[in-house]
Structures are given as structure tokens and as C-alpha cells.
Amino acid sequence: LSDIHNALPEAIGVLPKVTKFGRLRIGVEVIGSTFSARHIRSANVLSQFILDDNHTTDIYPGQVQFFFEHTIHLPEGSKTHCLAFVRWYQKTENRKYRFHCQIDNDDLNICNIELWENEFYELSRDCIIPIHNILGRFVAGKMTIGKKNPKSYLSVIPINRKIHI
């Protein structure tokens, strides 16, 4: 508290207080999280990220761990942000496996089911996203590829409803 009183006048104080919750209703859509066991099946979400080249984007599947609200007190007034803490699934090493279920062998745009690793990426700042970055939900499944050395993947089947905030 003493740091706030001794801070520069133009400094913005951010208090370490959040309101954590397990589900979020956007219109008629309810997005769950692992924090709310009742809604864990609806915790699978899709979000779009700008890649390292700053020109292309890709959609990543993830599992919402929880939602939280955070308020920042600015000189022009308080601003409340609703955020989601999401664990993101890892891409498959082989692009051919990711689009294993494609309809046409030459066109990756005609692929309703993508395969991803069952493991999550390490925790990073990418795990915290504004809720308006959630594109929609997906149904998770399990698919095994290979006969000699079978490997299980997470199948990502998008639900054909986009969430608009």
C-alpha cells in the first residue's frame, strides 16, 4: 500500500484483486471451465492468434481453466476487463497428421476435423485472453493413427456457432 502512495502521479496502480468464476454466459451460449465441474464439457474453446511473422493467423484449441474479472483504476475512470485463463493444446509435429481428415488431398481449407497433441503448451502470457477473443467452442474426441506405432491425438471438431461479443 505504501508503494501506491509513493508512486509517480502518472503511474497506474493495479491491485492484485480479481473475481474468479467457473462459467460465462454470452447470449444463449454458456462456456464452462475446469473450475466448474458441472460445465467442464463446454470448456473447450477456439481462439485465433497472430503468428510470429505478424502476417498470418492460426486458430488454436484450448481448455478454459477459469474466468476472471479485473478492474483497473485509471484517471478517467475504472475499467473492468473479463478475461479467461486457457491452457492451449500443442500442435502435432507433422502437418499431415493435423489435417489427416481432410476431404480433398490438395485443399487444407476443406477439413472439418483437426488433430492436435493431447498435451498442453507450457504456461505463458498467451494463457490469459480477453473473452471477446473466443471464436467458439469445439467437441473434443480421441483418434489413434498408425498400425505399427499407434499414437493417440485429440480430435478437434468445431461447433458451427460463432460467438459474437
Protein backbone atom coordinates (compact mmCIF):
# COMPACT_ATOMS: atom_id res chain seq x y z
CA LEU A 1 0.00 0.00 0.00
CA SER A 2 2.89 2.39 0.70
CA ASP A 3 4.11 1.89 -2.89
CA ILE A 4 0.82 3.30 -4.19
CA HIS A 5 1.18 6.47 -2.12
CA ASN A 6 4.82 6.94 -3.15
CA ALA A 7 4.23 6.25 -6.87
CA LEU A 8 4.62 8.86 -9.58
CA PRO A 9 1.42 10.80 -10.42
CA GLU A 10 1.23 9.30 -13.94
CA ALA A 11 1.63 5.73 -12.64
CA ILE A 12 -1.37 3.42 -12.86
CA GLY A 13 -1.89 1.31 -9.79
CA VAL A 14 -3.04 -2.24 -10.46
CA LEU A 15 -4.38 -4.02 -7.40
CA PRO A 16 -3.89 -7.81 -7.14
CA LYS A 17 -7.61 -8.49 -6.77
CA VAL A 18 -9.74 -10.47 -9.22
CA THR A 19 -13.17 -12.07 -9.17
CA LYS A 20 -12.85 -15.68 -10.34
CA PHE A 21 -15.78 -17.67 -11.76
CA GLY A 22 -16.34 -21.02 -13.45
CA ARG A 23 -18.72 -20.30 -16.33
CA LEU A 24 -19.65 -17.47 -18.64
CA ARG A 25 -22.93 -16.83 -20.46
CA ILE A 26 -22.71 -14.97 -23.76
CA GLY A 27 -26.19 -14.66 -25.21
CA VAL A 28 -27.60 -18.20 -25.10
CA GLU A 29 -24.15 -19.81 -25.16
CA VAL A 30 -22.62 -21.00 -21.87
CA ILE A 31 -18.87 -21.51 -21.84
CA GLY A 32 -17.65 -23.62 -18.96
CA SER A 33 -14.28 -24.23 -17.35
CA THR A 34 -12.42 -26.85 -15.35
CA PHE A 35 -13.11 -24.66 -12.30
CA SER A 36 -16.80 -25.62 -12.58
CA ALA A 37 -17.09 -29.42 -12.77
CA ARG A 38 -20.69 -29.14 -13.95
CA HIS A 39 -19.66 -27.21 -17.07
CA ILE A 40 -16.35 -28.94 -17.90
CA ARG A 41 -17.70 -30.41 -21.18
CA SER A 42 -18.27 -26.88 -22.52
CA ALA A 43 -14.77 -25.68 -21.55
CA ASN A 44 -13.21 -26.39 -24.96
CA VAL A 45 -12.77 -23.18 -26.94
CA LEU A 46 -11.13 -21.94 -30.12
CA SER A 47 -9.21 -18.68 -30.40
CA GLN A 48 -7.26 -17.02 -33.19
CA PHE A 49 -3.65 -15.89 -32.73
CA ILE A 50 -1.33 -13.81 -34.89
CA LEU A 51 1.77 -15.90 -35.60
CA ASP A 52 5.40 -14.84 -35.26
CA ASP A 53 5.59 -13.41 -38.78
CA ASN A 54 2.83 -10.85 -37.88
CA HIS A 55 1.08 -11.58 -41.19
CA THR A 56 -0.68 -14.90 -40.70
CA THR A 57 -3.10 -16.19 -38.12
CA ASP A 58 -3.97 -19.63 -36.87
CA ILE A 59 -6.79 -20.96 -34.73
CA TYR A 60 -5.79 -22.84 -31.58
CA PRO A 61 -7.91 -25.14 -29.44
CA GLY A 62 -7.74 -24.81 -25.68
CA GLN A 63 -9.42 -25.70 -22.42
CA VAL A 64 -10.68 -22.86 -20.19
CA GLN A 65 -9.39 -23.28 -16.64
CA PHE A 66 -11.39 -20.34 -15.23
CA PHE A 67 -12.72 -16.86 -15.99
CA PHE A 68 -11.93 -13.74 -14.01
CA GLU A 69 -12.78 -10.05 -13.88
CA HIS A 70 -10.13 -7.47 -13.16
CA THR A 71 -10.66 -3.74 -12.57
CA ILE A 72 -8.04 -1.09 -13.27
CA HIS A 73 -8.50 2.38 -11.83
CA LEU A 74 -7.45 4.96 -14.43
CA PRO A 75 -7.53 8.76 -14.13
CA GLU A 76 -10.56 8.87 -16.46
CA GLY A 77 -12.39 6.18 -14.51
CA SER A 78 -12.38 2.50 -13.71
CA LYS A 79 -12.21 -0.14 -16.45
CA THR A 80 -13.30 -3.73 -15.84
CA HIS A 81 -11.96 -6.50 -18.07
CA CYS A 82 -13.37 -10.01 -18.33
CA LEU A 83 -10.59 -12.49 -19.09
CA ALA A 84 -10.18 -16.24 -19.50
CA PHE A 85 -7.27 -18.39 -18.36
CA VAL A 86 -6.88 -21.04 -21.08
CA ARG A 87 -4.45 -23.96 -21.49
CA TRP A 88 -3.65 -24.36 -25.20
CA TYR A 89 -3.18 -27.74 -26.86
CA GLN A 90 0.09 -28.37 -28.71
CA LYS A 91 0.22 -28.70 -32.49
CA THR A 92 1.13 -32.05 -33.99
CA GLU A 93 4.70 -32.22 -35.24
CA ASN A 94 3.54 -33.41 -38.65
CA ARG A 95 1.17 -31.11 -40.57
CA LYS A 96 -0.08 -34.16 -42.49
CA TYR A 97 -1.41 -35.65 -39.24
CA ARG A 98 -3.07 -32.38 -38.20
CA PHE A 99 -5.20 -32.42 -41.36
CA HIS A 100 -5.50 -36.22 -41.53
CA CYS A 101 -9.29 -35.99 -42.00
CA GLN A 102 -9.24 -33.58 -44.95
CA ILE A 103 -11.76 -34.19 -47.71
CA ASP A 104 -9.55 -33.27 -50.67
CA ASN A 105 -5.83 -34.14 -50.50
CA ASP A 106 -4.78 -30.80 -52.01
CA ASP A 107 -7.04 -28.36 -50.14
CA LEU A 108 -6.41 -27.91 -46.41
CA ASN A 109 -9.36 -25.50 -46.19
CA ILE A 110 -11.76 -28.43 -46.57
CA CYS A 111 -11.02 -30.09 -43.26
CA ASN A 112 -13.66 -30.13 -40.53
CA ILE A 113 -11.66 -32.17 -38.04
CA GLU A 114 -8.11 -31.32 -36.95
CA LEU A 115 -5.82 -33.49 -34.87
CA TRP A 116 -3.74 -31.96 -32.06
CA GLU A 117 -1.47 -33.35 -29.37
CA ASN A 118 -3.11 -34.33 -26.07
CA GLU A 119 -0.57 -32.23 -24.13
CA PHE A 120 -0.77 -28.52 -23.35
CA TYR A 121 1.84 -25.86 -24.08
CA GLU A 122 3.75 -24.51 -21.08
CA LEU A 123 2.08 -21.72 -19.11
CA SER A 124 2.74 -18.30 -20.65
CA ARG A 125 1.13 -14.91 -21.11
CA ASP A 126 -0.81 -16.39 -24.05
CA CYS A 127 -2.89 -18.31 -21.49
CA ILE A 128 -4.71 -15.11 -20.47
CA ILE A 129 -7.04 -13.79 -23.17
CA PRO A 130 -9.95 -11.33 -23.25
CA ILE A 131 -13.23 -13.22 -23.58
CA HIS A 132 -14.02 -11.43 -26.85
CA ASN A 133 -11.10 -13.36 -28.43
CA ILE A 134 -13.01 -16.63 -28.04
CA LEU A 135 -14.25 -17.62 -31.51
CA GLY A 136 -16.39 -20.56 -30.48
CA ARG A 137 -16.41 -23.98 -28.89
CA PHE A 138 -15.40 -27.42 -30.09
CA VAL A 139 -16.13 -31.05 -29.32
CA ALA A 140 -13.05 -32.99 -28.24
CA GLY A 141 -12.53 -36.59 -29.24
CA LYS A 142 -9.76 -39.14 -29.44
CA MET A 143 -8.28 -40.59 -32.63
CA THR A 144 -5.47 -43.09 -32.98
CA ILE A 145 -3.29 -43.14 -36.11
CA GLY A 146 -0.84 -45.85 -37.12
CA LYS A 147 -0.71 -49.62 -37.00
CA LYS A 148 2.90 -50.44 -36.06
CA ASN A 149 3.36 -47.49 -33.70
CA PRO A 150 -0.15 -46.20 -32.96
CA LYS A 151 -0.38 -42.72 -31.47
CA SER A 152 -3.44 -41.05 -29.97
CA TYR A 153 -4.37 -37.49 -30.85
CA LEU A 154 -7.01 -35.04 -29.70
CA SER A 155 -9.60 -34.58 -32.44
CA VAL A 156 -10.97 -31.03 -32.59
CA ILE A 157 -14.44 -30.77 -34.13
CA PRO A 158 -15.66 -27.14 -34.21
CA ILE A 159 -19.26 -26.46 -33.22
CA ASN A 160 -20.70 -24.43 -36.06
CA ARG A 161 -21.72 -21.45 -33.92
CA LYS A 162 -19.58 -18.35 -33.75
CA ILE A 163 -19.69 -16.24 -30.61
CA HIS A 164 -20.07 -12.52 -31.24
CA ILE A 165 -19.42 -10.07 -28.42
